[in-house]
């Protein structure tokens, strides 16, 4: 039996959890939760996205995202705009007030990553990134393959 401390999945989970917790500590002065920061960061990369698409990216329930967006809209950071051709669709956009805050969010993220990687050589950082990227690619390939296999066997 593999011990939890030698299990890569347990370790990855713990590191991710601790990085989220440390980000929250470092971001305390921003007046935003980690979840709100995450919404803003993803919205900056996907300006004009529909709410359902952003919920998929964030892997949260649409109602959870609605509450986060309501709060961010109240803060004047996000706005929902009508789609140009389909009035049922609302697209999400950052307001002019968001970019300076995003700069601070990204800076806090950089500080947090720096703390996590303190004492890790550049060579080891590169190797870690390459290994994690390979793992991600392996899993994405299997997810895609397995989903296709299931569709083919159900068809």
N, C-alpha and C. Protein backbone atom coordinates (compact mmCIF):
# COMPACT_ATOMS: atom_id res chain seq x y z
N UNK A 1 0.85 -1.20 0.00
CA UNK A 1 0.00 0.00 0.00
C UNK A 1 0.88 1.25 0.00
N UNK A 2 0.53 2.20 -0.86
CA UNK A 2 1.31 3.43 -0.97
C UNK A 2 0.91 4.39 0.16
N UNK A 3 1.89 4.91 0.86
CA UNK A 3 1.63 5.86 1.94
C UNK A 3 1.22 7.20 1.34
N UNK A 4 0.29 7.91 2.00
CA UNK A 4 -0.16 9.20 1.47
C UNK A 4 0.98 10.17 1.19
N UNK A 5 2.03 10.16 2.03
CA UNK A 5 3.13 11.11 1.82
C UNK A 5 4.00 10.76 0.61
N UNK A 6 3.83 9.55 0.05
CA UNK A 6 4.55 9.16 -1.15
C UNK A 6 3.62 9.05 -2.36
N UNK A 7 2.41 9.54 -2.23
CA UNK A 7 1.42 9.47 -3.30
C UNK A 7 1.37 10.83 -3.98
N UNK A 8 1.68 10.86 -5.27
CA UNK A 8 1.76 12.13 -5.99
C UNK A 8 0.42 12.88 -5.98
N UNK A 9 -0.70 12.15 -6.03
CA UNK A 9 -2.01 12.82 -6.03
C UNK A 9 -2.26 13.51 -4.69
N UNK A 10 -1.94 12.85 -3.59
CA UNK A 10 -2.09 13.47 -2.27
C UNK A 10 -1.21 14.71 -2.16
N UNK A 11 0.03 14.57 -2.62
CA UNK A 11 0.98 15.68 -2.52
C UNK A 11 0.53 16.86 -3.37
N UNK A 12 0.11 16.60 -4.61
CA UNK A 12 -0.38 17.68 -5.47
C UNK A 12 -1.58 18.37 -4.84
N UNK A 13 -2.49 17.58 -4.29
CA UNK A 13 -3.67 18.15 -3.63
C UNK A 13 -3.27 19.04 -2.46
N UNK A 14 -2.35 18.56 -1.62
CA UNK A 14 -1.91 19.33 -0.46
C UNK A 14 -1.21 20.62 -0.88
N UNK A 15 -0.35 20.53 -1.88
CA UNK A 15 0.36 21.73 -2.35
C UNK A 15 -0.63 22.75 -2.90
N UNK A 16 -1.59 22.29 -3.71
CA UNK A 16 -2.60 23.20 -4.28
C UNK A 16 -3.43 23.84 -3.17
N UNK A 17 -3.83 23.05 -2.18
CA UNK A 17 -4.63 23.57 -1.06
C UNK A 17 -3.84 24.62 -0.28
N UNK A 18 -2.58 24.32 0.00
CA UNK A 18 -1.74 25.26 0.75
C UNK A 18 -1.46 26.54 -0.05
N UNK A 19 -1.29 26.40 -1.35
CA UNK A 19 -1.09 27.60 -2.18
C UNK A 19 -2.34 28.47 -2.19
N UNK A 20 -3.52 27.83 -2.26
CA UNK A 20 -4.77 28.60 -2.21
C UNK A 20 -4.88 29.33 -0.87
N UNK A 21 -4.56 28.63 0.20
CA UNK A 21 -4.65 29.21 1.55
C UNK A 21 -3.66 30.38 1.69
N UNK A 22 -2.45 30.18 1.18
CA UNK A 22 -1.44 31.24 1.28
C UNK A 22 -1.81 32.42 0.39
N UNK A 23 -2.38 32.15 -0.78
CA UNK A 23 -2.85 33.25 -1.64
C UNK A 23 -3.88 34.08 -0.88
N UNK A 24 -4.82 33.42 -0.22
CA UNK A 24 -5.84 34.14 0.55
C UNK A 24 -5.21 35.03 1.60
N UNK A 25 -4.18 34.52 2.29
CA UNK A 25 -3.49 35.33 3.30
C UNK A 25 -2.80 36.53 2.65
N UNK A 26 -2.11 36.29 1.54
CA UNK A 26 -1.39 37.36 0.86
C UNK A 26 -2.33 38.39 0.24
N UNK A 27 -3.53 37.96 -0.13
CA UNK A 27 -4.49 38.85 -0.82
C UNK A 27 -5.46 39.52 0.13
N UNK A 28 -5.30 39.31 1.42
CA UNK A 28 -6.25 39.83 2.41
C UNK A 28 -6.56 41.32 2.22
N UNK A 29 -5.54 42.11 1.90
CA UNK A 29 -5.73 43.56 1.78
C UNK A 29 -6.45 44.00 0.50
N UNK A 30 -6.67 43.08 -0.43
CA UNK A 30 -7.36 43.43 -1.67
C UNK A 30 -8.86 43.61 -1.48
N UNK A 31 -9.40 43.05 -0.41
CA UNK A 31 -10.84 43.15 -0.17
C UNK A 31 -11.65 42.20 -1.03
N UNK A 32 -10.99 41.16 -1.55
CA UNK A 32 -11.65 40.17 -2.40
C UNK A 32 -11.35 38.77 -1.85
N UNK A 33 -12.26 37.85 -2.09
CA UNK A 33 -12.00 36.46 -1.75
C UNK A 33 -11.14 35.84 -2.86
N UNK A 34 -10.56 34.69 -2.58
CA UNK A 34 -9.80 33.99 -3.60
C UNK A 34 -10.69 33.64 -4.79
N UNK A 35 -11.92 33.24 -4.50
CA UNK A 35 -12.86 32.90 -5.58
C UNK A 35 -13.16 34.10 -6.46
N UNK A 36 -13.33 35.26 -5.86
CA UNK A 36 -13.57 36.48 -6.65
C UNK A 36 -12.35 36.81 -7.50
N UNK A 37 -11.16 36.65 -6.92
CA UNK A 37 -9.93 36.90 -7.68
C UNK A 37 -9.84 35.94 -8.86
N UNK A 38 -10.21 34.69 -8.63
CA UNK A 38 -10.17 33.68 -9.68
C UNK A 38 -11.14 34.03 -10.82
N UNK A 39 -12.34 34.50 -10.47
CA UNK A 39 -13.31 34.90 -11.49
C UNK A 39 -12.75 36.04 -12.32
N UNK A 40 -12.19 37.05 -11.67
CA UNK A 40 -11.64 38.20 -12.38
C UNK A 40 -10.48 37.78 -13.29
N UNK A 41 -9.60 36.92 -12.79
CA UNK A 41 -8.45 36.49 -13.59
C UNK A 41 -8.89 35.72 -14.83
N UNK A 42 -9.85 34.82 -14.67
CA UNK A 42 -10.32 34.06 -15.83
C UNK A 42 -11.13 34.92 -16.78
N UNK A 43 -11.86 35.86 -16.24
CA UNK A 43 -12.63 36.76 -17.09
C UNK A 43 -11.69 37.66 -17.91
N UNK A 44 -10.57 38.03 -17.32
CA UNK A 44 -9.58 38.85 -18.05
C UNK A 44 -9.05 38.10 -19.26
N UNK A 45 -8.97 36.78 -19.15
CA UNK A 45 -8.47 35.95 -20.27
C UNK A 45 -9.58 35.55 -21.23
N UNK A 46 -10.83 35.76 -20.83
CA UNK A 46 -11.97 35.31 -21.64
C UNK A 46 -13.05 36.40 -21.70
N UNK A 47 -12.63 37.60 -21.96
CA UNK A 47 -13.55 38.74 -22.00
C UNK A 47 -14.70 38.47 -22.96
N UNK A 48 -15.92 38.73 -22.52
CA UNK A 48 -17.09 38.55 -23.36
C UNK A 48 -17.70 37.15 -23.29
N UNK A 49 -17.14 36.30 -22.44
CA UNK A 49 -17.64 34.93 -22.31
C UNK A 49 -19.03 34.92 -21.69
N UNK A 50 -19.80 33.89 -21.99
CA UNK A 50 -21.10 33.70 -21.35
C UNK A 50 -20.88 33.12 -19.95
N UNK A 51 -21.84 33.33 -19.08
CA UNK A 51 -21.73 32.87 -17.70
C UNK A 51 -21.55 31.35 -17.63
N UNK A 52 -22.28 30.60 -18.44
CA UNK A 52 -22.18 29.14 -18.41
C UNK A 52 -20.78 28.68 -18.81
N UNK A 53 -20.18 29.35 -19.77
CA UNK A 53 -18.82 29.01 -20.19
C UNK A 53 -17.80 29.27 -19.10
N UNK A 54 -17.97 30.39 -18.39
CA UNK A 54 -17.06 30.71 -17.29
C UNK A 54 -17.24 29.72 -16.14
N UNK A 55 -18.47 29.32 -15.86
CA UNK A 55 -18.73 28.32 -14.81
C UNK A 55 -18.03 27.01 -15.16
N UNK A 56 -18.04 26.63 -16.43
CA UNK A 56 -17.35 25.41 -16.86
C UNK A 56 -15.85 25.53 -16.65
N UNK A 57 -15.27 26.65 -17.03
CA UNK A 57 -13.83 26.87 -16.87
C UNK A 57 -13.44 26.79 -15.40
N UNK A 58 -14.25 27.42 -14.55
CA UNK A 58 -13.95 27.47 -13.11
C UNK A 58 -14.34 26.19 -12.38
N UNK A 59 -15.10 25.32 -13.07
CA UNK A 59 -15.61 24.08 -12.48
C UNK A 59 -16.44 24.36 -11.22
N UNK A 60 -17.37 25.31 -11.37
CA UNK A 60 -18.31 25.63 -10.29
C UNK A 60 -19.73 25.57 -10.85
N UNK A 61 -20.67 25.42 -9.96
CA UNK A 61 -22.08 25.41 -10.36
C UNK A 61 -22.47 26.82 -10.82
N UNK A 62 -23.34 26.92 -11.81
CA UNK A 62 -23.76 28.24 -12.30
C UNK A 62 -24.31 29.15 -11.19
N UNK A 63 -25.05 28.60 -10.23
CA UNK A 63 -25.61 29.43 -9.15
C UNK A 63 -24.50 30.01 -8.28
N UNK A 64 -23.43 29.23 -8.08
CA UNK A 64 -22.28 29.72 -7.30
C UNK A 64 -21.64 30.89 -8.02
N UNK A 65 -21.45 30.74 -9.33
CA UNK A 65 -20.85 31.81 -10.11
C UNK A 65 -21.77 33.03 -10.13
N UNK A 66 -23.07 32.83 -10.19
CA UNK A 66 -24.02 33.95 -10.20
C UNK A 66 -23.82 34.81 -8.96
N UNK A 67 -23.69 34.16 -7.80
CA UNK A 67 -23.48 34.91 -6.56
C UNK A 67 -22.17 35.69 -6.59
N UNK A 68 -21.12 35.05 -7.08
CA UNK A 68 -19.83 35.73 -7.18
C UNK A 68 -19.92 36.93 -8.13
N UNK A 69 -20.56 36.73 -9.27
CA UNK A 69 -20.70 37.82 -10.25
C UNK A 69 -21.57 38.95 -9.72
N UNK A 70 -22.63 38.60 -8.99
CA UNK A 70 -23.48 39.64 -8.39
C UNK A 70 -22.65 40.54 -7.49
N UNK A 71 -21.81 39.94 -6.67
CA UNK A 71 -20.98 40.71 -5.74
C UNK A 71 -19.96 41.56 -6.50
N UNK A 72 -19.32 40.96 -7.52
CA UNK A 72 -18.34 41.70 -8.31
C UNK A 72 -18.99 42.84 -9.09
N UNK A 73 -20.23 42.62 -9.52
CA UNK A 73 -20.98 43.68 -10.21
C UNK A 73 -21.31 44.81 -9.24
N UNK A 74 -21.72 44.46 -8.03
CA UNK A 74 -21.99 45.47 -7.00
C UNK A 74 -20.75 46.31 -6.69
N UNK A 75 -19.58 45.67 -6.78
CA UNK A 75 -18.31 46.36 -6.52
C UNK A 75 -17.85 47.18 -7.72
N UNK A 76 -18.58 47.08 -8.83
CA UNK A 76 -18.23 47.85 -10.03
C UNK A 76 -17.07 47.27 -10.82
N UNK A 77 -16.81 45.96 -10.67
CA UNK A 77 -15.68 45.34 -11.35
C UNK A 77 -16.08 44.56 -12.59
N UNK A 78 -17.33 44.11 -12.63
CA UNK A 78 -17.83 43.27 -13.72
C UNK A 78 -19.18 43.81 -14.18
N UNK A 79 -19.44 43.66 -15.46
CA UNK A 79 -20.77 44.00 -15.96
C UNK A 79 -21.24 42.91 -16.91
N UNK A 80 -22.56 42.74 -16.90
CA UNK A 80 -23.20 41.79 -17.81
C UNK A 80 -23.80 42.61 -18.95
N UNK A 81 -23.44 42.25 -20.18
CA UNK A 81 -23.96 42.97 -21.34
C UNK A 81 -24.77 42.03 -22.22
N UNK A 82 -25.75 42.60 -22.89
CA UNK A 82 -26.56 41.80 -23.81
C UNK A 82 -25.72 41.37 -25.00
N UNK A 83 -25.97 40.17 -25.47
CA UNK A 83 -25.32 39.65 -26.67
C UNK A 83 -25.83 40.45 -27.87
N UNK A 84 -24.98 40.76 -28.85
CA UNK A 84 -25.42 41.59 -29.97
C UNK A 84 -26.55 41.00 -30.82
N UNK A 85 -26.64 39.67 -30.89
CA UNK A 85 -27.66 39.08 -31.75
C UNK A 85 -28.65 38.18 -31.03
N UNK A 86 -28.38 37.83 -29.77
CA UNK A 86 -29.28 36.95 -29.03
C UNK A 86 -29.54 37.56 -27.66
N UNK A 87 -30.69 38.17 -27.50
CA UNK A 87 -30.96 38.91 -26.26
C UNK A 87 -31.12 38.02 -25.04
N UNK A 88 -31.21 36.70 -25.22
CA UNK A 88 -31.28 35.79 -24.07
C UNK A 88 -29.91 35.61 -23.42
N UNK A 89 -28.85 35.90 -24.18
CA UNK A 89 -27.48 35.67 -23.72
C UNK A 89 -26.91 36.94 -23.11
N UNK A 90 -26.26 36.78 -21.96
CA UNK A 90 -25.54 37.88 -21.32
C UNK A 90 -24.06 37.55 -21.36
N UNK A 91 -23.28 38.52 -21.82
CA UNK A 91 -21.84 38.34 -21.88
C UNK A 91 -21.18 39.09 -20.71
N UNK A 92 -20.10 38.53 -20.21
CA UNK A 92 -19.42 39.10 -19.06
C UNK A 92 -18.22 39.93 -19.50
N UNK A 93 -18.11 41.11 -18.90
CA UNK A 93 -17.00 42.01 -19.21
C UNK A 93 -16.48 42.65 -17.94
N UNK A 94 -15.18 42.94 -17.95
CA UNK A 94 -14.58 43.69 -16.85
C UNK A 94 -14.86 45.17 -17.08
N UNK A 95 -14.98 45.91 -16.00
CA UNK A 95 -15.14 47.35 -16.11
C UNK A 95 -13.75 48.00 -16.09
N UNK A 96 -13.69 49.30 -16.29
CA UNK A 96 -12.42 50.03 -16.26
C UNK A 96 -11.79 50.00 -14.87
N UNK A 97 -12.58 49.70 -13.88
CA UNK A 97 -12.09 49.64 -12.50
C UNK A 97 -11.29 48.36 -12.22
N UNK A 98 -11.46 47.33 -13.05
CA UNK A 98 -10.86 46.01 -12.79
C UNK A 98 -9.35 45.90 -13.10
N UNK A 99 -8.84 46.46 -14.21
CA UNK A 99 -7.42 46.23 -14.54
C UNK A 99 -6.41 46.57 -13.45
N UNK A 100 -6.54 47.70 -12.75
CA UNK A 100 -5.56 47.94 -11.68
C UNK A 100 -5.61 46.87 -10.59
N UNK A 101 -6.81 46.42 -10.27
CA UNK A 101 -6.97 45.37 -9.27
C UNK A 101 -6.40 44.05 -9.78
N UNK A 102 -6.59 43.77 -11.06
CA UNK A 102 -6.02 42.56 -11.65
C UNK A 102 -4.50 42.56 -11.54
N UNK A 103 -3.89 43.72 -11.73
CA UNK A 103 -2.44 43.83 -11.56
C UNK A 103 -2.02 43.42 -10.16
N UNK A 104 -2.79 43.85 -9.17
CA UNK A 104 -2.50 43.48 -7.79
C UNK A 104 -2.74 41.98 -7.56
N UNK A 105 -3.80 41.44 -8.13
CA UNK A 105 -4.11 40.01 -7.99
C UNK A 105 -2.97 39.18 -8.58
N UNK A 106 -2.51 39.54 -9.78
CA UNK A 106 -1.43 38.80 -10.43
C UNK A 106 -0.13 38.94 -9.63
N UNK A 107 0.10 40.11 -9.03
CA UNK A 107 1.29 40.30 -8.20
C UNK A 107 1.24 39.40 -6.96
N UNK A 108 0.07 39.31 -6.34
CA UNK A 108 -0.08 38.42 -5.18
C UNK A 108 0.15 36.97 -5.60
N UNK A 109 -0.35 36.60 -6.76
CA UNK A 109 -0.11 35.25 -7.27
C UNK A 109 1.37 34.98 -7.47
N UNK A 110 2.09 35.95 -8.01
CA UNK A 110 3.53 35.79 -8.23
C UNK A 110 4.27 35.65 -6.90
N UNK A 111 3.89 36.44 -5.91
CA UNK A 111 4.50 36.34 -4.58
C UNK A 111 4.24 34.97 -3.99
N UNK A 112 3.01 34.50 -4.10
CA UNK A 112 2.64 33.20 -3.54
C UNK A 112 3.42 32.07 -4.22
N UNK A 113 3.51 32.12 -5.55
CA UNK A 113 4.30 31.10 -6.27
C UNK A 113 5.76 31.17 -5.86
N UNK A 114 6.27 32.39 -5.70
CA UNK A 114 7.67 32.57 -5.27
C UNK A 114 7.92 31.95 -3.90
N UNK A 115 6.97 32.15 -2.99
CA UNK A 115 7.10 31.54 -1.66
C UNK A 115 7.10 30.02 -1.75
N UNK A 116 6.22 29.48 -2.59
CA UNK A 116 6.12 28.03 -2.73
C UNK A 116 7.39 27.44 -3.34
N UNK A 117 8.02 28.17 -4.23
CA UNK A 117 9.19 27.66 -4.95
C UNK A 117 10.52 28.12 -4.35
N UNK A 118 10.45 28.76 -3.19
CA UNK A 118 11.66 29.24 -2.53
C UNK A 118 12.64 28.07 -2.32
N UNK A 119 13.90 28.30 -2.69
CA UNK A 119 14.92 27.26 -2.52
C UNK A 119 14.93 26.21 -3.61
N UNK A 120 14.03 26.32 -4.58
CA UNK A 120 13.99 25.37 -5.69
C UNK A 120 14.76 26.00 -6.85
N UNK A 121 15.77 25.29 -7.34
CA UNK A 121 16.60 25.85 -8.42
C UNK A 121 15.78 26.04 -9.69
N UNK A 122 16.27 26.90 -10.55
CA UNK A 122 15.61 27.15 -11.84
C UNK A 122 15.51 25.86 -12.65
N UNK A 123 16.57 25.06 -12.60
CA UNK A 123 16.57 23.78 -13.31
C UNK A 123 15.48 22.85 -12.77
N UNK A 124 15.34 22.78 -11.46
CA UNK A 124 14.29 21.94 -10.87
C UNK A 124 12.90 22.51 -11.16
N UNK A 125 12.77 23.82 -11.20
CA UNK A 125 11.48 24.44 -11.55
C UNK A 125 11.08 24.04 -12.97
N UNK A 126 12.06 24.12 -13.89
CA UNK A 126 11.80 23.74 -15.27
C UNK A 126 11.40 22.27 -15.36
N UNK A 127 12.12 21.42 -14.63
CA UNK A 127 11.83 19.98 -14.64
C UNK A 127 10.44 19.72 -14.05
N UNK A 128 10.10 20.38 -12.94
CA UNK A 128 8.78 20.23 -12.32
C UNK A 128 7.69 20.64 -13.30
N UNK A 129 7.87 21.77 -13.97
CA UNK A 129 6.89 22.24 -14.93
C UNK A 129 6.72 21.24 -16.07
N UNK A 130 7.83 20.70 -16.54
CA UNK A 130 7.78 19.73 -17.64
C UNK A 130 7.06 18.45 -17.19
N UNK A 131 7.35 17.98 -15.99
CA UNK A 131 6.70 16.76 -15.49
C UNK A 131 5.21 16.99 -15.31
N UNK A 132 4.83 18.09 -14.68
CA UNK A 132 3.41 18.37 -14.47
C UNK A 132 2.68 18.56 -15.80
N UNK A 133 3.34 19.20 -16.76
CA UNK A 133 2.74 19.37 -18.09
C UNK A 133 2.54 18.02 -18.76
N UNK A 134 3.49 17.10 -18.61
CA UNK A 134 3.35 15.75 -19.17
C UNK A 134 2.19 15.02 -18.51
N UNK A 135 2.10 15.12 -17.18
CA UNK A 135 1.01 14.47 -16.46
C UNK A 135 -0.33 15.00 -16.93
N UNK A 136 -0.41 16.32 -17.08
CA UNK A 136 -1.66 16.94 -17.54
C UNK A 136 -2.01 16.44 -18.93
N UNK A 137 -1.04 16.42 -19.81
CA UNK A 137 -1.28 15.93 -21.17
C UNK A 137 -1.74 14.48 -21.18
N UNK A 138 -1.10 13.64 -20.36
CA UNK A 138 -1.49 12.24 -20.27
C UNK A 138 -2.95 12.11 -19.85
N UNK A 139 -3.33 12.86 -18.82
CA UNK A 139 -4.69 12.76 -18.29
C UNK A 139 -5.71 13.35 -19.26
N UNK A 140 -5.39 14.48 -19.87
CA UNK A 140 -6.31 15.06 -20.86
C UNK A 140 -6.52 14.10 -22.02
N UNK A 141 -5.45 13.46 -22.45
CA UNK A 141 -5.57 12.49 -23.54
C UNK A 141 -6.46 11.32 -23.17
N UNK A 142 -6.33 10.85 -21.95
CA UNK A 142 -7.16 9.73 -21.49
C UNK A 142 -8.61 10.15 -21.32
N UNK A 143 -8.83 11.36 -20.80
CA UNK A 143 -10.21 11.84 -20.62
C UNK A 143 -10.91 11.93 -21.97
N UNK A 144 -10.22 12.48 -22.95
CA UNK A 144 -10.78 12.62 -24.29
C UNK A 144 -11.03 11.25 -24.90
N UNK A 145 -10.04 10.37 -24.79
CA UNK A 145 -10.15 9.02 -25.35
C UNK A 145 -11.29 8.26 -24.68
N UNK A 146 -11.33 8.26 -23.36
CA UNK A 146 -12.36 7.52 -22.64
C UNK A 146 -13.75 8.07 -22.93
N UNK A 147 -13.89 9.38 -23.04
CA UNK A 147 -15.20 9.96 -23.36
C UNK A 147 -15.63 9.50 -24.75
N UNK A 148 -14.69 9.47 -25.69
CA UNK A 148 -15.01 8.99 -27.05
C UNK A 148 -15.36 7.52 -27.06
N UNK A 149 -14.63 6.72 -26.25
CA UNK A 149 -14.93 5.29 -26.15
C UNK A 149 -16.34 5.06 -25.62
N UNK A 150 -16.72 5.82 -24.61
CA UNK A 150 -18.07 5.67 -24.02
C UNK A 150 -19.14 6.03 -25.03
N UNK A 151 -18.90 7.13 -25.77
CA UNK A 151 -19.90 7.54 -26.78
C UNK A 151 -20.03 6.45 -27.87
N UNK A 152 -18.91 5.89 -28.28
CA UNK A 152 -18.94 4.87 -29.33
C UNK A 152 -19.66 3.62 -28.85
N UNK A 153 -19.45 3.23 -27.59
CA UNK A 153 -20.10 2.01 -27.09
C UNK A 153 -21.59 2.24 -26.78
N UNK A 154 -21.98 3.49 -26.56
CA UNK A 154 -23.40 3.80 -26.29
C UNK A 154 -24.17 4.06 -27.58
N UNK A 155 -23.45 4.26 -28.68
CA UNK A 155 -24.09 4.63 -29.95
C UNK A 155 -24.60 3.47 -30.66
